Protein backbone atom coordinates (compact mmCIF):
# COMPACT_ATOMS: atom_id res chain seq x y z
CA MET A 1 62.81 12.85 -54.30
CA SER A 2 61.55 13.34 -50.73
CA SER A 3 62.88 11.78 -47.02
CA ILE A 4 59.64 10.76 -45.13
CA SER A 5 59.95 10.30 -41.17
CA SER A 6 57.40 10.32 -38.70
CA ASN A 7 57.04 10.70 -35.10
CA GLU A 8 53.73 8.71 -33.80
CA ASN A 9 51.89 10.48 -30.97
CA PRO A 10 49.20 8.74 -29.12
CA ASP A 11 46.95 11.65 -29.39
CA SER A 12 47.27 11.89 -33.36
CA ALA A 13 44.40 9.80 -33.41
CA LYS A 14 41.74 12.03 -31.95
CA THR A 15 39.69 13.94 -34.28
CA ASP A 16 37.06 16.74 -33.94
CA VAL A 17 33.94 16.81 -35.58
CA LYS A 18 34.91 17.83 -39.07
CA GLY A 19 37.74 15.09 -39.27
CA GLU A 20 40.81 17.27 -38.46
CA LYS A 21 43.25 16.94 -35.45
CA PRO A 22 42.42 19.55 -33.31
CA GLY A 23 45.05 21.95 -32.64
CA LYS A 24 47.61 20.33 -35.07
CA LEU A 25 49.04 22.91 -37.63
CA ARG A 26 51.40 22.36 -40.79
CA MET A 27 54.32 24.56 -41.35
CA ILE A 28 55.66 24.73 -44.90
CA VAL A 29 58.99 26.21 -44.51
CA SER A 30 61.36 26.97 -47.74
CA VAL A 31 65.14 25.96 -47.00
CA ARG A 32 68.08 27.07 -49.03
CA ASN A 33 70.52 24.26 -50.54
CA ILE A 34 69.07 20.78 -49.41
CA SER A 35 70.99 18.99 -52.18
CA CYS A 36 70.51 15.48 -51.08
CA ILE A 37 68.52 12.83 -49.08
CA THR A 38 70.93 12.84 -46.14
CA CYS A 39 70.69 16.68 -46.01
CA GLY A 40 67.04 16.21 -45.43
CA LEU A 41 67.59 13.67 -42.83
CA ALA A 42 70.01 15.85 -40.67
CA ILE A 43 67.10 18.65 -40.45
CA GLU A 44 64.36 15.92 -39.82
CA LYS A 45 66.61 14.61 -37.13
CA GLN A 46 66.90 17.83 -35.80
CA VAL A 47 63.41 19.20 -35.87
CA LYS A 48 62.03 15.92 -34.58
CA LYS A 49 63.77 16.83 -31.29
CA ILE A 50 61.81 19.37 -30.22
CA LYS A 51 58.74 18.27 -27.97
CA GLY A 52 55.34 19.10 -29.81
CA VAL A 53 56.72 18.51 -33.49
CA GLU A 54 54.72 15.46 -34.48
CA ASP A 55 55.73 14.89 -38.21
CA VAL A 56 58.39 15.99 -40.40
CA LYS A 57 59.01 15.39 -43.85
CA THR A 58 61.86 17.28 -46.22
CA ALA A 59 61.16 17.46 -49.95
CA VAL A 60 64.51 17.67 -51.35
CA MET A 61 63.57 18.69 -54.73
CA LEU A 62 61.29 21.31 -53.80
CA ASN A 63 63.63 22.54 -50.74
CA LYS A 64 60.74 22.54 -48.49
CA VAL A 65 60.51 21.37 -45.21
CA PHE A 66 56.82 20.01 -43.72
CA VAL A 67 56.15 20.23 -39.87
CA ASP A 68 53.17 19.06 -38.30
CA TYR A 69 53.02 20.36 -34.82
CA ASP A 70 50.99 21.60 -31.73
CA PRO A 71 51.44 25.11 -31.58
CA LYS A 72 50.36 24.93 -27.57
CA LEU A 73 53.73 22.98 -27.36
CA VAL A 74 55.75 24.85 -29.67
CA ASP A 75 56.04 27.70 -31.95
CA SER A 76 57.21 28.09 -35.51
CA GLY A 77 60.26 30.12 -34.69
CA THR A 78 61.70 27.54 -32.52
CA ILE A 79 60.95 25.07 -35.39
CA ARG A 80 63.00 27.84 -37.79
CA LYS A 81 65.80 27.84 -35.36
CA ALA A 82 66.02 24.18 -35.50
CA ILE A 83 66.36 24.19 -39.27
CA ASP A 84 69.24 26.68 -39.57
CA LYS A 85 70.78 25.13 -36.67
CA THR A 86 71.68 22.35 -38.87
CA GLY A 87 73.47 24.61 -41.16
CA TYR A 88 70.59 25.24 -43.88
CA LYS A 89 68.94 28.76 -44.09
CA SER A 90 65.05 28.79 -43.94
CA TYR A 91 63.32 31.24 -46.14
CA MET A 92 60.84 34.02 -44.48
CA ASN A 93 58.11 32.27 -46.24
CA VAL A 94 56.44 30.03 -43.83
CA GLU A 95 52.93 29.18 -44.11
CA GLU A 96 50.90 27.64 -41.24
CA ARG A 97 47.39 25.89 -41.93
CA SER A 98 45.37 22.95 -40.67
CA ASP A 99 46.31 19.63 -41.83
CA ARG A 100 43.69 19.10 -44.19
CA ALA A 101 43.96 22.38 -45.61
CA ALA A 102 47.77 21.80 -46.20
CA GLU A 103 47.13 18.42 -47.65
CA ARG A 104 44.60 19.92 -50.09
CA HIS A 105 47.39 22.70 -51.02
CA VAL A 106 50.01 19.92 -51.84
CA ALA A 107 47.81 17.70 -53.63
CA HIS A 108 46.96 20.63 -56.25
């Protein structure tokens, strides 16, 4: 089961020639002990406070947090610190890729 929240950005509708949103990355973070939707919502709430974070989704059953963000405004370390601040420990295996590549990865 996953919890889904979004943080709309007026620039999120802009795309480049290939159909990808310019400069946007998806970060996939493994997080220990996310045991319920409420846990996931706590993480999402904390991460969404960060300027440059466009969308946050938690996949409770997978113990993963998916964060779409603008690397010009925030770095992955800041996002991981926000996750850790909620009391859940993020793993070191962080993946960063463009939205379209991440969507293909999750779909397979």
